[in-house]
């Protein structure tokens, strides 16, 4: 794949690039299973594997609907250093912005604003067709290359795992 054109296409990850294990996660920001994984499992994995430098976590957008795609584009307009926290905030508040009453774009604007994004940047993100196409292209590539067909999906040591696992289950995979 070509080098990123700008920060919007830069890799989004947490953990040391020198970690012994790398986990690639494909997620959709409107997926309740992804949200559950983000708040119930990932914090324990961060403490046990990512923060001590044993694992690196790479985030890949795999939007399963138009709203998830819009949220992914907005998230990629966040500075790389704020991306993981913004994704986490979207998962924590998913029931209100994705499934609550009102206009979801307005709800996403509130989340982005709370995370430091200005309105002009938000509006550029919402209108960025090139980035939307790039995200969809990467999701289609993941589907073709890795047979991704559900979220969340994880690639660990060349093996694909699907579904929101518990921290105990995922720890066994990372410890093997």
N, C-alpha and C. Protein backbone atom coordinates (compact mmCIF):
# COMPACT_ATOMS: atom_id res chain seq x y z
N UNK A 1 0.85 -1.18 0.00
CA UNK A 1 0.00 0.00 0.00
C UNK A 1 0.90 1.24 0.00
N UNK A 2 0.47 2.25 -0.68
CA UNK A 2 1.24 3.48 -0.79
C UNK A 2 1.34 4.17 0.57
N UNK A 3 2.36 5.00 0.70
CA UNK A 3 2.54 5.78 1.94
C UNK A 3 1.36 6.72 2.10
N UNK A 4 1.01 7.03 3.36
CA UNK A 4 -0.12 7.93 3.58
C UNK A 4 0.12 9.30 2.95
N UNK A 5 -0.94 9.87 2.40
CA UNK A 5 -0.83 11.19 1.81
C UNK A 5 -0.69 12.26 2.88
N UNK A 6 -1.29 12.04 4.02
CA UNK A 6 -1.21 12.99 5.12
C UNK A 6 -1.61 12.27 6.40
N UNK A 7 -1.74 13.01 7.47
CA UNK A 7 -2.04 12.41 8.77
C UNK A 7 -3.38 11.68 8.79
N UNK A 8 -4.30 12.05 7.91
CA UNK A 8 -5.60 11.36 7.89
C UNK A 8 -5.44 9.88 7.60
N UNK A 9 -4.44 9.52 6.82
CA UNK A 9 -4.24 8.13 6.43
C UNK A 9 -3.13 7.45 7.22
N UNK A 10 -2.55 8.13 8.18
CA UNK A 10 -1.48 7.52 8.98
C UNK A 10 -2.02 6.38 9.83
N UNK A 11 -1.16 5.42 10.10
CA UNK A 11 -1.57 4.30 10.96
C UNK A 11 -2.02 4.82 12.31
N UNK A 12 -3.04 4.18 12.84
CA UNK A 12 -3.53 4.49 14.18
C UNK A 12 -3.24 3.29 15.05
N UNK A 13 -2.44 3.49 16.06
CA UNK A 13 -2.07 2.36 16.93
C UNK A 13 -1.72 2.86 18.31
N UNK A 14 -1.69 1.91 19.24
CA UNK A 14 -1.20 2.18 20.59
C UNK A 14 -0.19 1.09 20.93
N UNK A 15 0.74 1.42 21.77
CA UNK A 15 1.75 0.45 22.16
C UNK A 15 3.04 0.64 21.39
N UNK A 16 4.05 -0.03 21.86
CA UNK A 16 5.39 0.09 21.29
C UNK A 16 5.49 -0.59 19.93
N UNK A 17 6.09 0.10 18.95
CA UNK A 17 6.33 -0.55 17.65
C UNK A 17 7.30 -1.73 17.77
N UNK A 18 8.01 -1.80 18.88
CA UNK A 18 8.97 -2.89 19.11
C UNK A 18 8.38 -4.04 19.92
N UNK A 19 7.09 -4.00 20.18
CA UNK A 19 6.45 -5.07 20.96
C UNK A 19 6.56 -6.40 20.24
N UNK A 20 6.62 -7.46 21.01
CA UNK A 20 6.75 -8.81 20.45
C UNK A 20 5.52 -9.23 19.65
N UNK A 21 4.35 -8.74 20.02
CA UNK A 21 3.10 -9.11 19.35
C UNK A 21 2.42 -7.85 18.80
N UNK A 22 1.79 -8.04 17.65
CA UNK A 22 0.97 -6.99 17.08
C UNK A 22 -0.43 -7.54 16.86
N UNK A 23 -1.41 -6.79 17.32
CA UNK A 23 -2.81 -7.14 17.11
C UNK A 23 -3.39 -6.10 16.16
N UNK A 24 -4.04 -6.57 15.12
CA UNK A 24 -4.77 -5.68 14.22
C UNK A 24 -6.24 -5.90 14.53
N UNK A 25 -6.94 -4.81 14.82
CA UNK A 25 -8.38 -4.89 15.10
C UNK A 25 -9.16 -4.17 14.01
N UNK A 26 -10.13 -4.86 13.42
CA UNK A 26 -11.07 -4.24 12.51
C UNK A 26 -12.35 -4.02 13.29
N UNK A 27 -12.84 -2.80 13.28
CA UNK A 27 -14.01 -2.44 14.09
C UNK A 27 -14.90 -1.48 13.34
N UNK A 28 -16.15 -1.44 13.77
CA UNK A 28 -17.12 -0.48 13.26
C UNK A 28 -17.60 0.35 14.45
N UNK A 29 -17.61 1.65 14.29
CA UNK A 29 -17.96 2.53 15.40
C UNK A 29 -19.43 2.45 15.80
N UNK A 30 -20.28 1.83 14.99
CA UNK A 30 -21.68 1.64 15.37
C UNK A 30 -21.97 0.21 15.82
N UNK A 31 -20.95 -0.61 15.93
CA UNK A 31 -21.13 -2.01 16.34
C UNK A 31 -21.17 -2.13 17.86
N UNK A 32 -22.29 -2.59 18.43
CA UNK A 32 -22.37 -2.75 19.88
C UNK A 32 -21.34 -3.75 20.44
N UNK A 33 -21.01 -4.78 19.66
CA UNK A 33 -20.01 -5.75 20.11
C UNK A 33 -18.63 -5.10 20.19
N UNK A 34 -18.34 -4.22 19.23
CA UNK A 34 -17.07 -3.49 19.25
C UNK A 34 -17.02 -2.55 20.45
N UNK A 35 -18.13 -1.90 20.74
CA UNK A 35 -18.18 -1.01 21.90
C UNK A 35 -17.98 -1.79 23.19
N UNK A 36 -18.63 -2.93 23.29
CA UNK A 36 -18.47 -3.77 24.50
C UNK A 36 -17.02 -4.21 24.64
N UNK A 37 -16.40 -4.62 23.55
CA UNK A 37 -15.00 -5.03 23.60
C UNK A 37 -14.13 -3.85 24.06
N UNK A 38 -14.41 -2.66 23.50
CA UNK A 38 -13.61 -1.48 23.83
C UNK A 38 -13.68 -1.13 25.31
N UNK A 39 -14.87 -1.28 25.96
CA UNK A 39 -14.89 -0.91 27.37
C UNK A 39 -14.77 -2.07 28.32
N UNK A 40 -15.03 -3.28 27.90
CA UNK A 40 -14.96 -4.40 28.84
C UNK A 40 -13.66 -5.20 28.74
N UNK A 41 -13.06 -5.27 27.57
CA UNK A 41 -11.89 -6.13 27.37
C UNK A 41 -10.60 -5.35 27.15
N UNK A 42 -10.64 -4.37 26.27
CA UNK A 42 -9.42 -3.66 25.90
C UNK A 42 -8.70 -3.01 27.08
N UNK A 43 -9.39 -2.42 28.06
CA UNK A 43 -8.65 -1.84 29.19
C UNK A 43 -7.76 -2.86 29.91
N UNK A 44 -8.24 -4.06 30.09
CA UNK A 44 -7.42 -5.10 30.75
C UNK A 44 -6.24 -5.49 29.87
N UNK A 45 -6.46 -5.57 28.56
CA UNK A 45 -5.37 -5.90 27.65
C UNK A 45 -4.33 -4.79 27.60
N UNK A 46 -4.79 -3.55 27.68
CA UNK A 46 -3.85 -2.42 27.74
C UNK A 46 -2.95 -2.56 28.96
N UNK A 47 -3.55 -2.83 30.11
CA UNK A 47 -2.78 -2.92 31.35
C UNK A 47 -1.82 -4.10 31.33
N UNK A 48 -2.27 -5.23 30.82
CA UNK A 48 -1.46 -6.45 30.87
C UNK A 48 -0.45 -6.56 29.74
N UNK A 49 -0.77 -6.06 28.55
CA UNK A 49 0.09 -6.31 27.40
C UNK A 49 0.59 -5.04 26.71
N UNK A 50 -0.26 -4.05 26.53
CA UNK A 50 0.12 -2.89 25.72
C UNK A 50 1.02 -1.93 26.50
N UNK A 51 0.60 -1.51 27.67
CA UNK A 51 1.40 -0.56 28.46
C UNK A 51 2.76 -1.11 28.85
N UNK A 52 2.90 -2.41 29.19
CA UNK A 52 4.22 -2.95 29.48
C UNK A 52 5.09 -3.19 28.24
N UNK A 53 4.56 -2.93 27.04
CA UNK A 53 5.34 -3.07 25.82
C UNK A 53 5.36 -4.47 25.23
N UNK A 54 4.45 -5.33 25.66
CA UNK A 54 4.41 -6.71 25.15
C UNK A 54 3.58 -6.82 23.87
N UNK A 55 2.68 -5.87 23.64
CA UNK A 55 1.82 -5.92 22.46
C UNK A 55 1.58 -4.52 21.93
N UNK A 56 1.37 -4.46 20.64
CA UNK A 56 1.02 -3.23 19.95
C UNK A 56 -0.35 -3.47 19.32
N UNK A 57 -1.22 -2.47 19.38
CA UNK A 57 -2.59 -2.58 18.90
C UNK A 57 -2.75 -1.64 17.72
N UNK A 58 -3.16 -2.17 16.57
CA UNK A 58 -3.35 -1.36 15.37
C UNK A 58 -4.84 -1.32 15.05
N UNK A 59 -5.38 -0.13 14.91
CA UNK A 59 -6.80 0.08 14.65
C UNK A 59 -7.06 0.18 13.14
N UNK A 60 -8.03 -0.58 12.66
CA UNK A 60 -8.47 -0.50 11.27
C UNK A 60 -9.97 -0.27 11.25
N UNK A 61 -10.39 0.74 10.52
CA UNK A 61 -11.81 1.00 10.35
C UNK A 61 -12.43 -0.06 9.45
N UNK A 62 -13.57 -0.56 9.86
CA UNK A 62 -14.35 -1.48 9.04
C UNK A 62 -15.81 -1.08 9.22
N UNK A 63 -16.18 0.08 8.66
CA UNK A 63 -17.53 0.60 8.90
C UNK A 63 -18.59 -0.31 8.29
N UNK A 64 -19.59 -0.62 9.09
CA UNK A 64 -20.66 -1.51 8.65
C UNK A 64 -21.91 -0.76 8.19
N UNK A 65 -21.86 0.55 8.28
CA UNK A 65 -22.98 1.37 7.78
C UNK A 65 -22.48 2.79 7.55
N UNK A 66 -23.34 3.61 6.97
CA UNK A 66 -22.95 4.97 6.63
C UNK A 66 -22.59 5.83 7.83
N UNK A 67 -23.27 5.65 8.93
CA UNK A 67 -22.96 6.44 10.13
C UNK A 67 -21.60 6.05 10.69
N UNK A 68 -21.29 4.76 10.69
CA UNK A 68 -19.97 4.31 11.15
C UNK A 68 -18.88 4.88 10.25
N UNK A 69 -19.14 4.95 8.95
CA UNK A 69 -18.18 5.54 8.02
C UNK A 69 -17.98 7.02 8.32
N UNK A 70 -19.07 7.73 8.54
CA UNK A 70 -18.96 9.16 8.87
C UNK A 70 -18.15 9.35 10.15
N UNK A 71 -18.42 8.55 11.17
CA UNK A 71 -17.68 8.66 12.43
C UNK A 71 -16.21 8.33 12.23
N UNK A 72 -15.90 7.34 11.39
CA UNK A 72 -14.51 6.96 11.13
C UNK A 72 -13.76 8.10 10.45
N UNK A 73 -14.41 8.76 9.50
CA UNK A 73 -13.78 9.89 8.82
C UNK A 73 -13.50 11.01 9.83
N UNK A 74 -14.46 11.32 10.66
CA UNK A 74 -14.28 12.37 11.67
C UNK A 74 -13.14 11.99 12.61
N UNK A 75 -13.09 10.74 13.03
CA UNK A 75 -12.02 10.29 13.93
C UNK A 75 -10.65 10.46 13.29
N UNK A 76 -10.55 10.21 11.99
CA UNK A 76 -9.26 10.32 11.32
C UNK A 76 -8.84 11.77 11.12
N UNK A 77 -9.73 12.72 11.35
CA UNK A 77 -9.35 14.13 11.35
C UNK A 77 -8.81 14.57 12.71
N UNK A 78 -8.93 13.72 13.69
CA UNK A 78 -8.31 14.00 14.99
C UNK A 78 -6.80 13.85 14.85
N UNK A 79 -6.03 14.60 15.63
CA UNK A 79 -4.59 14.35 15.62
C UNK A 79 -4.33 12.88 15.97
N UNK A 80 -3.30 12.30 15.37
CA UNK A 80 -2.98 10.89 15.60
C UNK A 80 -2.91 10.59 17.09
N UNK A 81 -2.36 11.50 17.87
CA UNK A 81 -2.20 11.27 19.31
C UNK A 81 -3.52 11.30 20.07
N UNK A 82 -4.58 11.83 19.47
CA UNK A 82 -5.89 11.88 20.13
C UNK A 82 -6.86 10.82 19.61
N UNK A 83 -6.46 10.11 18.58
CA UNK A 83 -7.35 9.17 17.91
C UNK A 83 -7.89 8.10 18.86
N UNK A 84 -7.03 7.39 19.55
CA UNK A 84 -7.47 6.27 20.40
C UNK A 84 -8.43 6.76 21.48
N UNK A 85 -8.15 7.90 22.08
CA UNK A 85 -9.05 8.43 23.10
C UNK A 85 -10.40 8.83 22.50
N UNK A 86 -10.38 9.38 21.29
CA UNK A 86 -11.63 9.77 20.64
C UNK A 86 -12.46 8.54 20.29
N UNK A 87 -11.81 7.52 19.75
CA UNK A 87 -12.51 6.27 19.44
C UNK A 87 -13.14 5.71 20.72
N UNK A 88 -12.38 5.71 21.78
CA UNK A 88 -12.90 5.23 23.06
C UNK A 88 -14.12 6.04 23.50
N UNK A 89 -14.04 7.36 23.36
CA UNK A 89 -15.17 8.22 23.74
C UNK A 89 -16.40 7.92 22.87
N UNK A 90 -16.18 7.64 21.58
CA UNK A 90 -17.30 7.29 20.71
C UNK A 90 -17.92 5.96 21.12
N UNK A 91 -17.09 4.99 21.47
CA UNK A 91 -17.64 3.71 21.92
C UNK A 91 -18.40 3.85 23.23
N UNK A 92 -17.86 4.62 24.16
CA UNK A 92 -18.53 4.81 25.45
C UNK A 92 -19.90 5.47 25.25
N UNK A 93 -19.98 6.41 24.33
CA UNK A 93 -21.22 7.16 24.12
C UNK A 93 -22.02 6.67 22.91
N UNK A 94 -21.68 5.51 22.39
CA UNK A 94 -22.30 4.99 21.17
C UNK A 94 -23.83 4.98 21.22
N UNK A 95 -24.39 4.58 22.34
CA UNK A 95 -25.85 4.48 22.42
C UNK A 95 -26.53 5.84 22.23
N UNK A 96 -25.85 6.91 22.60
CA UNK A 96 -26.49 8.22 22.45
C UNK A 96 -26.27 8.84 21.06
N UNK A 97 -25.07 8.78 20.51
CA UNK A 97 -24.85 9.42 19.21
C UNK A 97 -25.30 8.55 18.04
N UNK A 98 -25.17 7.23 18.16
CA UNK A 98 -25.52 6.35 17.05
C UNK A 98 -26.96 5.88 17.10
N UNK A 99 -27.50 5.71 18.31
CA UNK A 99 -28.83 5.11 18.44
C UNK A 99 -29.80 5.98 19.23
N UNK A 100 -29.37 7.16 19.61
CA UNK A 100 -30.23 8.04 20.38
C UNK A 100 -31.12 8.88 19.49
N UNK A 101 -31.96 9.68 20.11
CA UNK A 101 -32.83 10.56 19.33
C UNK A 101 -32.01 11.70 18.73
N UNK A 102 -32.55 12.31 17.72
CA UNK A 102 -31.90 13.47 17.13
C UNK A 102 -31.00 13.12 15.96
N UNK A 103 -30.32 14.13 15.49
CA UNK A 103 -29.45 14.02 14.32
C UNK A 103 -28.09 13.46 14.74
N UNK A 104 -27.68 12.32 14.20
CA UNK A 104 -26.40 11.73 14.61
C UNK A 104 -25.18 12.60 14.24
N UNK A 105 -25.28 13.36 13.14
CA UNK A 105 -24.16 14.24 12.79
C UNK A 105 -23.99 15.32 13.84
N UNK A 106 -25.09 15.86 14.31
CA UNK A 106 -25.01 16.86 15.39
C UNK A 106 -24.41 16.24 16.65
N UNK A 107 -24.81 15.00 16.95
CA UNK A 107 -24.26 14.32 18.13
C UNK A 107 -22.77 14.05 17.95
N UNK A 108 -22.35 13.69 16.74
CA UNK A 108 -20.91 13.50 16.49
C UNK A 108 -20.15 14.82 16.63
N UNK A 109 -20.76 15.90 16.19
CA UNK A 109 -20.13 17.21 16.33
C UNK A 109 -19.87 17.51 17.82
N UNK A 110 -20.84 17.22 18.67
CA UNK A 110 -20.65 17.46 20.10
C UNK A 110 -19.48 16.64 20.65
N UNK A 111 -19.37 15.37 20.24
CA UNK A 111 -18.26 14.52 20.70
C UNK A 111 -16.92 15.06 20.18
N UNK A 112 -16.90 15.45 18.91
CA UNK A 112 -15.66 15.97 18.32
C UNK A 112 -15.26 17.28 18.98
N UNK A 113 -16.23 18.14 19.21
CA UNK A 113 -15.96 19.42 19.87
C UNK A 113 -15.41 19.20 21.28
N UNK A 114 -16.03 18.26 22.01
CA UNK A 114 -15.55 17.93 23.36
C UNK A 114 -14.10 17.44 23.34
N UNK A 115 -13.69 16.86 22.21
CA UNK A 115 -12.33 16.33 22.09
C UNK A 115 -11.37 17.33 21.47
N UNK A 116 -11.84 18.56 21.24
CA UNK A 116 -10.94 19.62 20.79
C UNK A 116 -10.99 19.96 19.31
N UNK A 117 -11.89 19.36 18.56
CA UNK A 117 -11.97 19.66 17.13
C UNK A 117 -12.78 20.93 16.93
N UNK A 118 -12.32 21.79 16.03
CA UNK A 118 -13.09 23.00 15.72
C UNK A 118 -14.10 22.70 14.62
N UNK A 119 -15.08 23.58 14.47
CA UNK A 119 -16.18 23.33 13.54
C UNK A 119 -15.71 23.27 12.09
N UNK A 120 -14.76 24.09 11.71
CA UNK A 120 -14.27 24.07 10.32
C UNK A 120 -13.64 22.72 9.99
N UNK A 121 -12.87 22.17 10.91
CA UNK A 121 -12.25 20.86 10.69
C UNK A 121 -13.33 19.78 10.62
N UNK A 122 -14.30 19.85 11.50
CA UNK A 122 -15.40 18.89 11.49
C UNK A 122 -16.13 18.92 10.15
N UNK A 123 -16.44 20.11 9.67
CA UNK A 123 -17.15 20.24 8.40
C UNK A 123 -16.32 19.70 7.24
N UNK A 124 -15.00 19.93 7.25
CA UNK A 124 -14.11 19.36 6.23
C UNK A 124 -14.15 17.84 6.29
N UNK A 125 -14.15 17.29 7.49
CA UNK A 125 -14.19 15.84 7.65
C UNK A 125 -15.47 15.27 7.07
N UNK A 126 -16.58 15.85 7.44
CA UNK A 126 -17.88 15.35 6.98
C UNK A 126 -17.97 15.37 5.44
N UNK A 127 -17.32 16.34 4.82
CA UNK A 127 -17.38 16.49 3.36
C UNK A 127 -16.27 15.74 2.62
N UNK A 128 -15.37 15.07 3.32
CA UNK A 128 -14.19 14.48 2.70
C UNK A 128 -14.50 13.14 2.02
N UNK A 129 -14.89 13.21 0.77
CA UNK A 129 -15.23 12.01 0.00
C UNK A 129 -13.98 11.16 -0.26
N UNK A 130 -12.85 11.78 -0.49
CA UNK A 130 -11.62 11.03 -0.75
C UNK A 130 -11.26 10.14 0.44
N UNK A 131 -11.37 10.66 1.65
CA UNK A 131 -11.06 9.86 2.83
C UNK A 131 -12.11 8.76 3.02
N UNK A 132 -13.37 9.07 2.79
CA UNK A 132 -14.41 8.03 2.86
C UNK A 132 -14.08 6.89 1.91
N UNK A 133 -13.73 7.25 0.67
CA UNK A 133 -13.40 6.22 -0.32
C UNK A 133 -12.18 5.40 0.11
N UNK A 134 -11.20 6.04 0.70
CA UNK A 134 -9.99 5.35 1.17
C UNK A 134 -10.33 4.36 2.29
N UNK A 135 -11.17 4.78 3.22
CA UNK A 135 -11.57 3.89 4.32
C UNK A 135 -12.33 2.68 3.77
N UNK A 136 -13.26 2.92 2.88
CA UNK A 136 -14.03 1.82 2.28
C UNK A 136 -13.10 0.89 1.50
N UNK A 137 -12.17 1.46 0.78
CA UNK A 137 -11.21 0.65 0.02
C UNK A 137 -10.39 -0.26 0.93
N UNK A 138 -9.95 0.27 2.07
CA UNK A 138 -9.19 -0.55 3.02
C UNK A 138 -10.07 -1.64 3.63
N UNK A 139 -11.32 -1.33 3.89
CA UNK A 139 -12.22 -2.35 4.43
C UNK A 139 -12.45 -3.46 3.39
N UNK A 140 -12.61 -3.08 2.14
CA UNK A 140 -12.79 -4.08 1.08
C UNK A 140 -11.53 -4.92 0.92
N UNK A 141 -10.38 -4.30 1.05
CA UNK A 141 -9.10 -5.03 0.98
C UNK A 141 -9.01 -6.04 2.13
N UNK A 142 -9.40 -5.64 3.32
CA UNK A 142 -9.38 -6.55 4.47
C UNK A 142 -10.33 -7.72 4.25
N UNK A 143 -11.48 -7.42 3.67
CA UNK A 143 -12.44 -8.48 3.38
C UNK A 143 -11.85 -9.48 2.40
N UNK A 144 -11.21 -8.99 1.35
CA UNK A 144 -10.63 -9.87 0.33
C UNK A 144 -9.40 -10.61 0.85
N UNK A 145 -8.53 -9.90 1.56
CA UNK A 145 -7.26 -10.47 2.00
C UNK A 145 -7.40 -11.39 3.21
N UNK A 146 -8.18 -10.97 4.19
CA UNK A 146 -8.26 -11.68 5.47
C UNK A 146 -9.63 -12.32 5.73
N UNK A 147 -10.55 -12.20 4.78
CA UNK A 147 -11.90 -12.73 4.95
C UNK A 147 -12.63 -12.10 6.13
N UNK A 148 -12.39 -10.83 6.34
CA UNK A 148 -13.10 -10.11 7.39
C UNK A 148 -14.55 -9.99 6.98
N UNK A 149 -15.44 -10.44 7.83
CA UNK A 149 -16.86 -10.33 7.52
C UNK A 149 -17.69 -10.00 8.75
N UNK A 150 -17.02 -9.69 9.85
CA UNK A 150 -17.72 -9.34 11.08
C UNK A 150 -16.84 -8.43 11.92
N UNK A 151 -17.49 -7.69 12.79
CA UNK A 151 -16.73 -6.84 13.71
C UNK A 151 -17.14 -7.19 15.14
N UNK A 152 -16.19 -7.12 16.05
CA UNK A 152 -14.77 -6.90 15.80
C UNK A 152 -14.09 -8.16 15.29
N UNK A 153 -13.03 -7.98 14.53
CA UNK A 153 -12.17 -9.06 14.08
C UNK A 153 -10.74 -8.68 14.42
N UNK A 154 -9.93 -9.69 14.70
CA UNK A 154 -8.57 -9.45 15.17
C UNK A 154 -7.60 -10.37 14.44
N UNK A 155 -6.47 -9.84 14.04
CA UNK A 155 -5.40 -10.63 13.45
C UNK A 155 -4.26 -10.65 14.45
N UNK A 156 -3.89 -11.85 14.90
CA UNK A 156 -2.79 -12.02 15.85
C UNK A 156 -1.89 -13.13 15.31
N UNK A 157 -0.65 -12.78 15.07
CA UNK A 157 0.32 -13.76 14.56
C UNK A 157 -0.19 -14.49 13.32
N UNK A 158 -0.82 -13.75 12.41
CA UNK A 158 -1.29 -14.33 11.17
C UNK A 158 -2.58 -15.12 11.27
N UNK A 159 -3.17 -15.18 12.45
CA UNK A 159 -4.41 -15.93 12.63
C UNK A 159 -5.56 -14.96 12.94
N UNK A 160 -6.70 -15.20 12.30
CA UNK A 160 -7.86 -14.34 12.45
C UNK A 160 -8.79 -14.86 13.55
N UNK A 161 -9.22 -13.96 14.41
CA UNK A 161 -10.19 -14.25 15.47
C UNK A 161 -11.34 -13.27 15.29
N UNK A 162 -12.56 -13.74 15.49
CA UNK A 162 -13.73 -12.89 15.30
C UNK A 162 -14.60 -12.92 16.55
N UNK A 163 -15.10 -11.76 16.90
CA UNK A 163 -16.03 -11.66 18.01
C UNK A 163 -15.42 -10.97 19.22
N UNK A 164 -16.28 -10.42 20.03
CA UNK A 164 -15.85 -9.70 21.23
C UNK A 164 -15.54 -10.71 22.34
N UNK A 165 -14.29 -11.02 22.49
CA UNK A 165 -13.86 -11.97 23.52
C UNK A 165 -13.65 -11.28 24.86
N UNK A 166 -13.62 -12.09 25.89
CA UNK A 166 -13.30 -11.56 27.23
C UNK A 166 -11.80 -11.32 27.31
N UNK A 167 -11.39 -10.57 28.31
CA UNK A 167 -9.97 -10.32 28.52
C UNK A 167 -9.22 -11.62 28.79
N UNK A 168 -9.86 -12.54 29.50
CA UNK A 168 -9.23 -13.83 29.79
C UNK A 168 -8.98 -14.61 28.50
N UNK A 169 -9.99 -14.66 27.64
CA UNK A 169 -9.85 -15.37 26.36
C UNK A 169 -8.77 -14.73 25.49
N UNK A 170 -8.79 -13.41 25.40
CA UNK A 170 -7.83 -12.72 24.54
C UNK A 170 -6.42 -12.82 25.12
N UNK A 171 -6.30 -12.80 26.44
CA UNK A 171 -4.99 -12.93 27.07
C UNK A 171 -4.34 -14.26 26.72
N UNK A 172 -5.13 -15.31 26.62
CA UNK A 172 -4.59 -16.62 26.24
C UNK A 172 -4.00 -16.58 24.84
N UNK A 173 -4.66 -15.87 23.94
CA UNK A 173 -4.16 -15.74 22.57
C UNK A 173 -2.84 -14.98 22.59
N UNK A 174 -2.79 -13.88 23.33
CA UNK A 174 -1.57 -13.07 23.35
C UNK A 174 -0.42 -13.75 24.10
N UNK A 175 -0.73 -14.60 25.03
CA UNK A 175 0.31 -15.27 25.81
C UNK A 175 0.89 -16.48 25.07
N UNK A 176 0.19 -16.96 24.03
CA UNK A 176 0.67 -18.16 23.34
C UNK A 176 1.82 -17.87 22.40
